[in-house]
């Protein structure tokens, strides 16, 4: 990626804002597009009995690298969505990354922490399990701003925040997560937009511009939000979230 053809790769892969922010490229930590996706897949495979020494070694190596890039300050434990090439070479996070708090499934702490938590269970690493859980508990410190997310959807919105909080609560029984879940249910219901085409808007910021769309889809639309809410009506955990690589 960062060899002689790196400029061509960067110009063809990233949107304009990303090319400006990461001129030398970056390492994506996100669950949907980054390295924690493969980590979650490997960990879930081990937890379901499909494992070998190579897989365990890969889980250990990836988890240690992800654990290294956590931020732990007054806002709690969280991760930036990306680590720039310069940060990787210098082995030090810059201020922009430290201040980039995003509690989403796709690029943010929700997905990254869940992946580390799963890895901890896969290889029985207490520190990774505790850190992954604590990162979720610490979302309470950022709940007034919803961890930098503005949409209602699963992918990068409050719907995803609600569902992953509920998933971690159902797995751990941590009381703080139960209280957070209850607050987020109210928030999602209050975000219902009766004048929208499907009931909820997908809101994104692309190249600095705020974009609002009517979307009926699963990840970035109303059907996903509806699934999240409907799942809370039953005491049984749903199966549909398997596709999110969180269980």
C-alpha atoms as a PDB file:
ATOM      1  CA  UNK A   1       0.000   0.000   0.000  1.00  0.00           C
ATOM      2  CA  UNK A   2       2.775   2.440   0.909  1.00  0.00           C
ATOM      3  CA  UNK A   3       5.368   1.478  -1.670  1.00  0.00           C
ATOM      4  CA  UNK A   4       6.317   3.179  -4.945  1.00  0.00           C
ATOM      5  CA  UNK A   5       2.704   3.211  -6.134  1.00  0.00           C
ATOM      6  CA  UNK A   6       1.308   4.658  -2.900  1.00  0.00           C
ATOM      7  CA  UNK A   7       0.294   8.010  -4.400  1.00  0.00           C
ATOM      8  CA  UNK A   8      -1.716   6.284  -7.131  1.00  0.00           C
ATOM      9  CA  UNK A   9      -3.333   4.003  -4.561  1.00  0.00           C
ATOM     10  CA  UNK A  10      -4.247   6.868  -2.240  1.00  0.00           C
ATOM     11  CA  UNK A  11      -5.687   9.029  -5.025  1.00  0.00           C
ATOM     12  CA  UNK A  12      -7.872   6.184  -6.310  1.00  0.00           C
ATOM     13  CA  UNK A  13      -9.016   4.830  -2.934  1.00  0.00           C
ATOM     14  CA  UNK A  14      -9.832   7.758  -0.667  1.00  0.00           C
ATOM     15  CA  UNK A  15     -12.295  10.614  -0.985  1.00  0.00           C
ATOM     16  CA  UNK A  16     -10.872  14.122  -1.220  1.00  0.00           C
ATOM     17  CA  UNK A  17     -11.105  14.930   2.497  1.00  0.00           C
ATOM     18  CA  UNK A  18      -9.293  11.684   3.383  1.00  0.00           C
ATOM     19  CA  UNK A  19      -6.525  12.344   0.846  1.00  0.00           C
ATOM     20  CA  UNK A  20      -5.888  15.710   2.467  1.00  0.00           C
ATOM     21  CA  UNK A  21      -5.945  14.327   5.995  1.00  0.00           C
ATOM     22  CA  UNK A  22      -3.849  11.223   5.217  1.00  0.00           C
ATOM     23  CA  UNK A  23      -1.504  12.151   2.342  1.00  0.00           C
ATOM     24  CA  UNK A  24       0.718   9.138   3.071  1.00  0.00           C
ATOM     25  CA  UNK A  25      -2.155   6.725   3.685  1.00  0.00           C
ATOM     26  CA  UNK A  26      -3.536   5.280   6.899  1.00  0.00           C
ATOM     27  CA  UNK A  27      -4.406   2.132   8.812  1.00  0.00           C
ATOM     28  CA  UNK A  28      -8.163   1.682   9.219  1.00  0.00           C
ATOM     29  CA  UNK A  29      -9.227   0.381  12.641  1.00  0.00           C
ATOM     30  CA  UNK A  30     -12.954   0.183  11.872  1.00  0.00           C
ATOM     31  CA  UNK A  31     -15.070  -2.953  12.011  1.00  0.00           C
ATOM     32  CA  UNK A  32     -16.802  -2.400   8.676  1.00  0.00           C
ATOM     33  CA  UNK A  33     -13.816  -1.329   6.558  1.00  0.00           C
ATOM     34  CA  UNK A  34     -10.759  -1.926   8.716  1.00  0.00           C
ATOM     35  CA  UNK A  35      -8.652  -4.490  10.523  1.00  0.00           C
ATOM     36  CA  UNK A  36     -11.066  -5.151  13.390  1.00  0.00           C
ATOM     37  CA  UNK A  37     -13.433  -6.786  10.903  1.00  0.00           C
ATOM     38  CA  UNK A  38     -10.992  -9.645  10.197  1.00  0.00           C
ATOM     39  CA  UNK A  39     -10.135  -9.751  13.912  1.00  0.00           C
ATOM     40  CA  UNK A  40     -13.802 -10.183  14.830  1.00  0.00           C
ATOM     41  CA  UNK A  41     -14.202 -12.883  12.172  1.00  0.00           C
ATOM     42  CA  UNK A  42     -11.186 -14.830  13.455  1.00  0.00           C
ATOM     43  CA  UNK A  43     -12.322 -14.471  17.064  1.00  0.00           C
ATOM     44  CA  UNK A  44     -15.861 -15.615  16.302  1.00  0.00           C
ATOM     45  CA  UNK A  45     -14.468 -18.587  14.389  1.00  0.00           C
ATOM     46  CA  UNK A  46     -12.441 -19.600  17.438  1.00  0.00           C
ATOM     47  CA  UNK A  47     -15.419 -19.122  19.744  1.00  0.00           C
ATOM     48  CA  UNK A  48     -17.429 -21.449  17.506  1.00  0.00           C
ATOM     49  CA  UNK A  49     -14.772 -24.163  17.622  1.00  0.00           C
ATOM     50  CA  UNK A  50     -12.960 -23.551  14.337  1.00  0.00           C
ATOM     51  CA  UNK A  51      -9.427 -22.708  15.378  1.00  0.00           C
ATOM     52  CA  UNK A  52      -5.744 -23.528  15.008  1.00  0.00           C
ATOM     53  CA  UNK A  53      -2.423 -22.143  16.217  1.00  0.00           C
ATOM     54  CA  UNK A  54      -2.078 -19.773  13.273  1.00  0.00           C
ATOM     55  CA  UNK A  55      -5.480 -18.197  13.924  1.00  0.00           C
ATOM     56  CA  UNK A  56      -4.730 -17.780  17.616  1.00  0.00           C
ATOM     57  CA  UNK A  57      -1.405 -16.155  16.760  1.00  0.00           C
ATOM     58  CA  UNK A  58      -3.107 -13.753  14.355  1.00  0.00           C
ATOM     59  CA  UNK A  59      -5.716 -12.831  16.975  1.00  0.00           C
ATOM     60  CA  UNK A  60      -2.990 -12.173  19.539  1.00  0.00           C
ATOM     61  CA  UNK A  61      -0.953 -10.026  17.158  1.00  0.00           C
ATOM     62  CA  UNK A  62      -3.875  -7.960  15.832  1.00  0.00           C
ATOM     63  CA  UNK A  63      -5.379  -7.446  19.281  1.00  0.00           C
ATOM     64  CA  UNK A  64      -2.085  -6.265  20.757  1.00  0.00           C
ATOM     65  CA  UNK A  65      -1.714  -3.741  17.932  1.00  0.00           C
ATOM     66  CA  UNK A  66      -5.272  -2.432  18.333  1.00  0.00           C
ATOM     67  CA  UNK A  67      -4.928  -2.307  22.118  1.00  0.00           C
ATOM     68  CA  UNK A  68      -1.836  -0.158  21.698  1.00  0.00           C
ATOM     69  CA  UNK A  69      -3.766   2.608  19.862  1.00  0.00           C
ATOM     70  CA  UNK A  70      -6.455   3.172  22.464  1.00  0.00           C
ATOM     71  CA  UNK A  71      -6.958   6.609  23.996  1.00  0.00           C
ATOM     72  CA  UNK A  72      -7.718   6.801  27.721  1.00  0.00           C
ATOM     73  CA  UNK A  73      -8.537  10.237  29.118  1.00  0.00           C
ATOM     74  CA  UNK A  74     -11.385  12.159  30.774  1.00  0.00           C
ATOM     75  CA  UNK A  75     -13.724  10.973  28.002  1.00  0.00           C
ATOM     76  CA  UNK A  76     -12.919   7.347  28.805  1.00  0.00           C
ATOM     77  CA  UNK A  77     -11.415   4.636  26.631  1.00  0.00           C
ATOM     78  CA  UNK A  78     -11.906   5.022  22.890  1.00  0.00           C
ATOM     79  CA  UNK A  79     -10.125   4.632  19.563  1.00  0.00           C
ATOM     80  CA  UNK A  80      -9.642   6.816  16.511  1.00  0.00           C
ATOM     81  CA  UNK A  81     -11.142   5.352  13.347  1.00  0.00           C
ATOM     82  CA  UNK A  82      -7.765   5.451  11.628  1.00  0.00           C
ATOM     83  CA  UNK A  83      -4.071   5.642  12.424  1.00  0.00           C
ATOM     84  CA  UNK A  84      -2.114   7.720   9.934  1.00  0.00           C
ATOM     85  CA  UNK A  85       1.084   6.410   8.368  1.00  0.00           C
ATOM     86  CA  UNK A  86       3.023   9.166  10.155  1.00  0.00           C
ATOM     87  CA  UNK A  87       1.561   8.156  13.511  1.00  0.00           C
ATOM     88  CA  UNK A  88       2.449   4.533  12.852  1.00  0.00           C
ATOM     89  CA  UNK A  89       6.057   5.377  11.958  1.00  0.00           C
ATOM     90  CA  UNK A  90       6.458   7.740  14.924  1.00  0.00           C
ATOM     91  CA  UNK A  91       4.524   5.390  17.227  1.00  0.00           C
ATOM     92  CA  UNK A  92       2.633   8.366  18.607  1.00  0.00           C
ATOM     93  CA  UNK A  93      -0.915   9.610  18.113  1.00  0.00           C
ATOM     94  CA  UNK A  94      -1.483  13.193  17.018  1.00  0.00           C
ATOM     95  CA  UNK A  95      -3.941  15.608  18.590  1.00  0.00           C
ATOM     96  CA  UNK A  96      -6.436  15.312  15.717  1.00  0.00           C
ATOM     97  CA  UNK A  97      -6.690  11.565  16.267  1.00  0.00           C
ATOM     98  CA  UNK A  98      -6.989  11.901  20.040  1.00  0.00           C
ATOM     99  CA  UNK A  99      -9.861  14.368  19.639  1.00  0.00           C
ATOM    100  CA  UNK A 100     -11.624  12.257  16.997  1.00  0.00           C
ATOM    101  CA  UNK A 101     -14.287  10.528  19.114  1.00  0.00           C
ATOM    102  CA  UNK A 102     -16.878   8.547  17.189  1.00  0.00           C
ATOM    103  CA  UNK A 103     -19.033   5.918  18.868  1.00  0.00           C
ATOM    104  CA  UNK A 104     -20.265   4.159  15.739  1.00  0.00           C
ATOM    105  CA  UNK A 105     -20.334   0.545  14.582  1.00  0.00           C
ATOM    106  CA  UNK A 106     -18.587   1.146  11.266  1.00  0.00           C
ATOM    107  CA  UNK A 107     -15.500   3.227  12.074  1.00  0.00           C
ATOM    108  CA  UNK A 108     -15.778   3.969  15.763  1.00  0.00           C
ATOM    109  CA  UNK A 109     -15.220   2.679  19.250  1.00  0.00           C
ATOM    110  CA  UNK A 110     -18.388   0.549  19.268  1.00  0.00           C
ATOM    111  CA  UNK A 111     -17.080  -1.840  16.640  1.00  0.00           C
ATOM    112  CA  UNK A 112     -13.428  -1.687  17.669  1.00  0.00           C
ATOM    113  CA  UNK A 113     -14.090  -2.338  21.366  1.00  0.00           C
ATOM    114  CA  UNK A 114     -16.515  -5.167  20.607  1.00  0.00           C
ATOM    115  CA  UNK A 115     -13.905  -6.785  18.379  1.00  0.00           C
ATOM    116  CA  UNK A 116     -11.261  -6.544  21.113  1.00  0.00           C
ATOM    117  CA  UNK A 117     -13.735  -7.942  23.655  1.00  0.00           C
ATOM    118  CA  UNK A 118     -14.486 -10.915  21.388  1.00  0.00           C
ATOM    119  CA  UNK A 119     -10.762 -11.478  20.874  1.00  0.00           C
ATOM    120  CA  UNK A 120     -10.247 -11.487  24.628  1.00  0.00           C
ATOM    121  CA  UNK A 121     -12.835 -14.222  24.983  1.00  0.00           C
ATOM    122  CA  UNK A 122     -11.392 -16.185  22.059  1.00  0.00           C
ATOM    123  CA  UNK A 123      -7.890 -16.374  23.563  1.00  0.00           C
ATOM    124  CA  UNK A 124      -8.877 -15.880  27.238  1.00  0.00           C
ATOM    125  CA  UNK A 125      -7.101 -12.543  27.648  1.00  0.00           C
ATOM    126  CA  UNK A 126      -8.546 -10.778  30.698  1.00  0.00           C
ATOM    127  CA  UNK A 127      -7.070  -7.372  29.847  1.00  0.00           C
ATOM    128  CA  UNK A 128      -8.663  -7.257  26.392  1.00  0.00           C
ATOM    129  CA  UNK A 129     -12.018  -8.382  27.758  1.00  0.00           C
ATOM    130  CA  UNK A 130     -11.964  -5.759  30.494  1.00  0.00           C
ATOM    131  CA  UNK A 131     -10.799  -2.988  28.157  1.00  0.00           C
ATOM    132  CA  UNK A 132     -13.459  -3.760  25.572  1.00  0.00           C
ATOM    133  CA  UNK A 133     -16.187  -3.699  28.209  1.00  0.00           C
ATOM    134  CA  UNK A 134     -14.853  -0.562  29.896  1.00  0.00           C
ATOM    135  CA  UNK A 135     -14.825   1.252  26.559  1.00  0.00           C
ATOM    136  CA  UNK A 136     -18.567   0.592  26.352  1.00  0.00           C
ATOM    137  CA  UNK A 137     -19.194   1.674  29.941  1.00  0.00           C
ATOM    138  CA  UNK A 138     -17.258   4.887  29.289  1.00  0.00           C
ATOM    139  CA  UNK A 139     -19.699   5.869  26.543  1.00  0.00           C
ATOM    140  CA  UNK A 140     -21.815   7.164  29.436  1.00  0.00           C
ATOM    141  CA  UNK A 141     -19.260   9.990  29.756  1.00  0.00           C
ATOM    142  CA  UNK A 142     -19.964  11.047  26.162  1.00  0.00           C
ATOM    143  CA  UNK A 143     -23.674  10.314  25.944  1.00  0.00           C
ATOM    144  CA  UNK A 144     -24.729  13.987  25.787  1.00  0.00           C
ATOM    145  CA  UNK A 145     -23.016  14.300  22.397  1.00  0.00           C
ATOM    146  CA  UNK A 146     -23.756  10.693  21.342  1.00  0.00           C
ATOM    147  CA  UNK A 147     -20.067  10.135  20.735  1.00  0.00           C
ATOM    148  CA  UNK A 148     -19.914  12.371  17.692  1.00  0.00           C
ATOM    149  CA  UNK A 149     -22.643  10.629  15.690  1.00  0.00           C
ATOM    150  CA  UNK A 150     -25.622  12.442  14.163  1.00  0.00           C
ATOM    151  CA  UNK A 151     -27.575   9.883  12.131  1.00  0.00           C
ATOM    152  CA  UNK A 152     -30.244   7.458  13.371  1.00  0.00           C
ATOM    153  CA  UNK A 153     -29.017   4.406  11.465  1.00  0.00           C
ATOM    154  CA  UNK A 154     -27.171   1.222  12.416  1.00  0.00           C
ATOM    155  CA  UNK A 155     -23.991   1.890  10.463  1.00  0.00           C
ATOM    156  CA  UNK A 156     -22.979   5.279  11.810  1.00  0.00           C
ATOM    157  CA  UNK A 157     -25.885   6.386  13.943  1.00  0.00           C
ATOM    158  CA  UNK A 158     -27.754   6.212  17.214  1.00  0.00           C
ATOM    159  CA  UNK A 159     -29.551   3.049  16.101  1.00  0.00           C
ATOM    160  CA  UNK A 160     -26.240   1.205  15.955  1.00  0.00           C
ATOM    161  CA  UNK A 161     -25.173   2.717  19.266  1.00  0.00           C
ATOM    162  CA  UNK A 162     -28.392   1.480  20.866  1.00  0.00           C
ATOM    163  CA  UNK A 163     -28.114  -2.023  19.453  1.00  0.00           C
ATOM    164  CA  UNK A 164     -24.476  -2.609  20.362  1.00  0.00           C
ATOM    165  CA  UNK A 165     -25.029  -1.237  23.858  1.00  0.00           C
ATOM    166  CA  UNK A 166     -27.922  -3.683  24.198  1.00  0.00           C
ATOM    167  CA  UNK A 167     -25.822  -6.546  22.826  1.00  0.00           C
ATOM    168  CA  UNK A 168     -23.016  -5.870  25.294  1.00  0.00           C
ATOM    169  CA  UNK A 169     -25.545  -5.469  28.105  1.00  0.00           C
ATOM    170  CA  UNK A 170     -27.160  -8.820  27.298  1.00  0.00           C
ATOM    171  CA  UNK A 171     -23.708 -10.457  27.337  1.00  0.00           C
ATOM    172  CA  UNK A 172     -22.399  -8.855  30.530  1.00  0.00           C
ATOM    173  CA  UNK A 173     -25.363  -7.605  32.567  1.00  0.00           C
ATOM    174  CA  UNK A 174     -23.465  -4.406  33.394  1.00  0.00           C
ATOM    175  CA  UNK A 175     -25.954  -2.003  34.998  1.00  0.00           C
ATOM    176  CA  UNK A 176     -24.479   1.117  33.384  1.00  0.00           C
ATOM    177  CA  UNK A 177     -25.123  -0.354  29.954  1.00  0.00           C
ATOM    178  CA  UNK A 178     -28.719  -1.142  30.867  1.00  0.00           C
ATOM    179  CA  UNK A 179     -29.283   2.481  31.883  1.00  0.00           C
ATOM    180  CA  UNK A 180     -27.602   3.704  28.695  1.00  0.00           C
ATOM    181  CA  UNK A 181     -29.825   1.407  26.653  1.00  0.00           C
ATOM    182  CA  UNK A 182     -32.949   2.905  28.203  1.00  0.00           C
ATOM    183  CA  UNK A 183     -31.809   6.468  27.447  1.00  0.00           C
ATOM    184  CA  UNK A 184     -30.980   5.592  23.856  1.00  0.00           C
ATOM    185  CA  UNK A 185     -34.370   3.977  23.243  1.00  0.00           C
ATOM    186  CA  UNK A 186     -35.991   7.318  24.076  1.00  0.00           C
ATOM    187  CA  UNK A 187     -33.516   9.133  21.836  1.00  0.00           C
ATOM    188  CA  UNK A 188     -34.195   6.906  18.831  1.00  0.00           C
ATOM    189  CA  UNK A 189     -37.956   7.236  19.277  1.00  0.00           C
ATOM    190  CA  UNK A 190     -37.635  11.021  19.536  1.00  0.00           C
ATOM    191  CA  UNK A 191     -35.656  11.113  16.288  1.00  0.00           C
ATOM    192  CA  UNK A 192     -38.612   9.733  14.336  1.00  0.00           C
ATOM    193  CA  UNK A 193     -39.219  12.080  11.409  1.00  0.00           C
ATOM    194  CA  UNK A 194     -42.888  11.885  10.312  1.00  0.00           C
ATOM    195  CA  UNK A 195     -42.266  14.002   7.212  1.00  0.00           C
ATOM    196  CA  UNK A 196     -39.502  11.720   5.919  1.00  0.00           C
ATOM    197  CA  UNK A 197     -40.285   9.075   3.338  1.00  0.00           C
ATOM    198  CA  UNK A 198     -39.598   6.088   5.619  1.00  0.00           C
ATOM    199  CA  UNK A 199     -39.614   7.505   9.144  1.00  0.00           C
ATOM    200  CA  UNK A 200     -35.900   8.133   9.732  1.00  0.00           C
ATOM    201  CA  UNK A 201     -33.227  10.011   7.828  1.00  0.00           C
ATOM    202  CA  UNK A 202     -29.703   8.889   7.054  1.00  0.00           C
ATOM    203  CA  UNK A 203     -27.387  11.804   7.822  1.00  0.00           C
ATOM    204  CA  UNK A 204     -23.744  11.897   6.744  1.00  0.00           C
ATOM    205  CA  UNK A 205     -20.946  14.420   6.329  1.00  0.00           C
ATOM    206  CA  UNK A 206     -18.984  13.957   3.093  1.00  0.00           C
ATOM    207  CA  UNK A 207     -16.119  16.298   2.153  1.00  0.00           C
ATOM    208  CA  UNK A 208     -17.345  18.718   4.810  1.00  0.00           C
ATOM    209  CA  UNK A 209     -20.916  18.853   3.510  1.00  0.00           C
ATOM    210  CA  UNK A 210     -23.885  17.601   5.551  1.00  0.00           C
ATOM    211  CA  UNK A 211     -26.109  15.274   3.520  1.00  0.00           C
ATOM    212  CA  UNK A 212     -29.559  14.030   4.553  1.00  0.00           C
ATOM    213  CA  UNK A 213     -31.159  11.139   2.660  1.00  0.00           C
ATOM    214  CA  UNK A 214     -34.342   9.092   2.696  1.00  0.00           C
ATOM    215  CA  UNK A 215     -33.157   5.491   2.848  1.00  0.00           C
ATOM    216  CA  UNK A 216     -35.152   2.318   3.453  1.00  0.00           C
ATOM    217  CA  UNK A 217     -32.078   0.077   3.730  1.00  0.00           C
ATOM    218  CA  UNK A 218     -30.647  -2.014   6.547  1.00  0.00           C
ATOM    219  CA  UNK A 219     -27.273  -0.478   7.404  1.00  0.00           C
ATOM    220  CA  UNK A 220     -28.009   3.134   6.522  1.00  0.00           C
ATOM    221  CA  UNK A 221     -31.786   3.245   6.492  1.00  0.00           C
ATOM    222  CA  UNK A 222     -35.050   2.932   8.331  1.00  0.00           C
ATOM    223  CA  UNK A 223     -35.418  -0.855   8.143  1.00  0.00           C
ATOM    224  CA  UNK A 224     -32.300  -1.219  10.277  1.00  0.00           C
ATOM    225  CA  UNK A 225     -33.621   1.212  12.872  1.00  0.00           C
ATOM    226  CA  UNK A 226     -36.927  -0.683  12.911  1.00  0.00           C
ATOM    227  CA  UNK A 227     -35.091  -3.980  13.488  1.00  0.00           C
ATOM    228  CA  UNK A 228     -33.201  -2.499  16.424  1.00  0.00           C
ATOM    229  CA  UNK A 229     -36.414  -1.288  18.047  1.00  0.00           C
ATOM    230  CA  UNK A 230     -38.350  -4.480  17.288  1.00  0.00           C
ATOM    231  CA  UNK A 231     -35.583  -6.605  18.817  1.00  0.00           C
ATOM    232  CA  UNK A 232     -36.100  -4.874  22.153  1.00  0.00           C
ATOM    233  CA  UNK A 233     -39.668  -6.161  22.340  1.00  0.00           C
ATOM    234  CA  UNK A 234     -38.438  -9.709  22.998  1.00  0.00           C
ATOM    235  CA  UNK A 235     -36.413 -11.153  25.861  1.00  0.00           C
ATOM    236  CA  UNK A 236     -34.588 -13.333  23.327  1.00  0.00           C
ATOM    237  CA  UNK A 237     -31.494 -11.934  21.611  1.00  0.00           C
ATOM    238  CA  UNK A 238     -31.954 -11.585  17.833  1.00  0.00           C
ATOM    239  CA  UNK A 239     -30.001 -13.547  15.231  1.00  0.00           C
ATOM    240  CA  UNK A 240     -29.976 -10.914  12.490  1.00  0.00           C
ATOM    241  CA  UNK A 241     -27.006  -9.052  13.994  1.00  0.00           C
ATOM    242  CA  UNK A 242     -24.690 -11.947  13.126  1.00  0.00           C
ATOM    243  CA  UNK A 243     -23.996 -10.102   9.879  1.00  0.00           C
ATOM    244  CA  UNK A 244     -22.511  -7.207  11.853  1.00  0.00           C
ATOM    245  CA  UNK A 245     -19.688  -9.497  13.112  1.00  0.00           C
ATOM    246  CA  UNK A 246     -20.525  -8.763  16.736  1.00  0.00           C
ATOM    247  CA  UNK A 247     -21.572 -12.273  17.829  1.00  0.00           C
END
